[in-house]
Amino acid sequence: PGHSAGGVTFWVRGLDLDMSQDCAGGLLFTGDSVFIKNVGRTDLPGASQQTLLKSLARLSNLPDSAVVLPGHSYDSPPRRATLGHVKEVNAFMRQAISRFPPDKLPP
């Protein structure tokens, strides 16, 4: 939530099988909530920057090895990255973690 009132993100947990090492942290389908270096717009009806930042802070608790797969991308390739990388390069993600510490948010 945040980019749009009905926005959702899906996390598909990784498997502990040798063949799934590339996705051991799972897959994170973020739609337009978060891109690699940016986030979805919050100037749309029903959108909220504060809600989006809280959503990003919650997502930051997932494994750093989770692969982020945005709905589309305004970033130059690659079009996917680990959540750990997104936390390093995405200023909105860093702001979210700083402003809304994940361990202090309700589930």
Protein backbone atom coordinates (compact mmCIF):
# COMPACT_ATOMS: atom_id res chain seq x y z
CA PRO A 1 0.00 0.00 0.00
CA GLY A 2 0.98 3.58 -0.57
CA HIS A 3 1.38 3.83 -4.34
CA SER A 4 -2.32 3.05 -4.66
CA ALA A 5 -5.03 2.13 -2.18
CA GLY A 6 -5.23 -1.48 -3.37
CA GLY A 7 -1.53 -2.02 -4.06
CA VAL A 8 0.00 -5.24 -2.79
CA THR A 9 3.39 -6.90 -2.78
CA PHE A 10 3.79 -10.67 -2.85
CA TRP A 11 6.73 -12.50 -1.30
CA VAL A 12 7.19 -16.10 -2.42
CA ARG A 13 9.46 -17.78 0.08
CA GLY A 14 12.56 -19.50 -1.21
CA LEU A 15 13.07 -23.22 -0.98
CA ASP A 16 15.96 -24.86 0.81
CA LEU A 17 16.84 -26.98 -2.21
CA ASP A 18 20.24 -26.93 -3.89
CA MET A 19 18.62 -26.06 -7.22
CA SER A 20 17.06 -22.84 -5.86
CA GLN A 21 20.17 -21.06 -4.62
CA ASP A 22 19.51 -18.11 -6.95
CA CYS A 23 16.20 -17.52 -5.14
CA ALA A 24 17.04 -18.75 -1.65
CA GLY A 25 15.64 -15.53 -0.14
CA GLY A 26 12.48 -15.80 -2.18
CA LEU A 27 10.91 -13.67 -4.87
CA LEU A 28 9.39 -10.28 -4.09
CA PHE A 29 6.81 -9.14 -6.66
CA THR A 30 6.49 -5.43 -5.88
CA GLY A 31 4.28 -4.14 -8.67
CA ASP A 32 4.68 -0.37 -8.68
CA SER A 33 5.44 -0.04 -4.96
CA VAL A 34 9.20 -0.20 -5.26
CA PHE A 35 11.57 -0.29 -8.22
CA ILE A 36 15.32 -0.87 -7.96
CA LYS A 37 16.25 2.81 -7.51
CA ASN A 38 12.85 4.45 -7.13
CA VAL A 39 9.26 3.97 -5.94
CA GLY A 40 5.78 4.34 -7.40
CA ARG A 41 4.11 7.73 -7.56
CA THR A 42 2.16 8.95 -4.54
CA ASP A 43 0.30 11.80 -6.24
CA LEU A 44 -2.50 9.51 -7.41
CA PRO A 45 -5.99 9.33 -5.81
CA GLY A 46 -5.79 7.14 -2.70
CA ALA A 47 -1.99 7.20 -2.64
CA SER A 48 0.02 8.20 0.44
CA GLN A 49 3.74 8.80 0.76
CA GLN A 50 3.69 8.01 4.48
CA THR A 51 1.86 4.72 3.88
CA LEU A 52 4.30 3.83 1.11
CA LEU A 53 7.30 4.53 3.35
CA LYS A 54 5.81 2.33 6.08
CA SER A 55 5.29 -0.42 3.50
CA LEU A 56 8.92 -0.12 2.37
CA ALA A 57 10.12 -0.30 5.97
CA ARG A 58 8.12 -3.51 6.48
CA LEU A 59 9.54 -5.00 3.29
CA SER A 60 13.06 -4.23 4.52
CA ASN A 61 12.63 -6.99 7.15
CA LEU A 62 12.54 -9.67 4.44
CA PRO A 63 15.77 -11.49 3.57
CA ASP A 64 18.38 -9.33 1.85
CA SER A 65 18.78 -12.16 -0.66
CA ALA A 66 15.13 -11.90 -1.79
CA VAL A 67 14.95 -11.03 -5.48
CA VAL A 68 12.93 -7.85 -6.13
CA LEU A 69 10.84 -8.08 -9.31
CA PRO A 70 9.05 -4.77 -10.00
CA GLY A 71 5.96 -4.58 -12.22
CA HIS A 72 8.04 -2.55 -14.66
CA SER A 73 11.15 -0.45 -14.44
CA TYR A 74 12.29 3.07 -15.07
CA ASP A 75 15.81 2.07 -14.09
CA SER A 76 18.44 0.99 -16.53
CA PRO A 77 19.18 -2.74 -16.52
CA PRO A 78 19.22 -4.87 -14.49
CA ARG A 79 15.45 -4.98 -14.02
CA ARG A 80 15.76 -7.07 -10.87
CA ALA A 81 18.03 -6.99 -7.86
CA THR A 82 18.30 -8.40 -4.38
CA LEU A 83 16.50 -6.58 -1.62
CA GLY A 84 19.88 -5.93 -0.02
CA HIS A 85 20.99 -4.09 -3.15
CA VAL A 86 17.73 -2.11 -3.30
CA LYS A 87 18.25 -1.03 0.31
CA GLU A 88 21.69 0.28 -0.67
CA VAL A 89 20.76 2.17 -3.85
CA ASN A 90 17.17 3.29 -3.28
CA ALA A 91 17.01 6.58 -1.35
CA PHE A 92 13.30 6.08 -0.59
CA MET A 93 14.00 2.70 0.98
CA ARG A 94 16.75 4.20 3.15
CA GLN A 95 14.44 7.07 4.16
CA ALA A 96 11.68 4.58 5.05
CA ILE A 97 13.96 2.51 7.28
CA SER A 98 15.26 5.64 9.00
CA ARG A 99 11.88 7.29 9.47
CA PHE A 100 9.89 4.13 10.37
CA PRO A 101 12.24 1.62 12.03
CA PRO A 102 10.87 -1.78 10.98
CA ASP A 103 11.11 -3.31 14.45
CA LYS A 104 8.79 -0.61 15.81
CA LEU A 105 6.03 -1.08 13.20
CA PRO A 106 3.03 -3.33 13.85
CA PRO A 107 2.86 -6.40 11.61
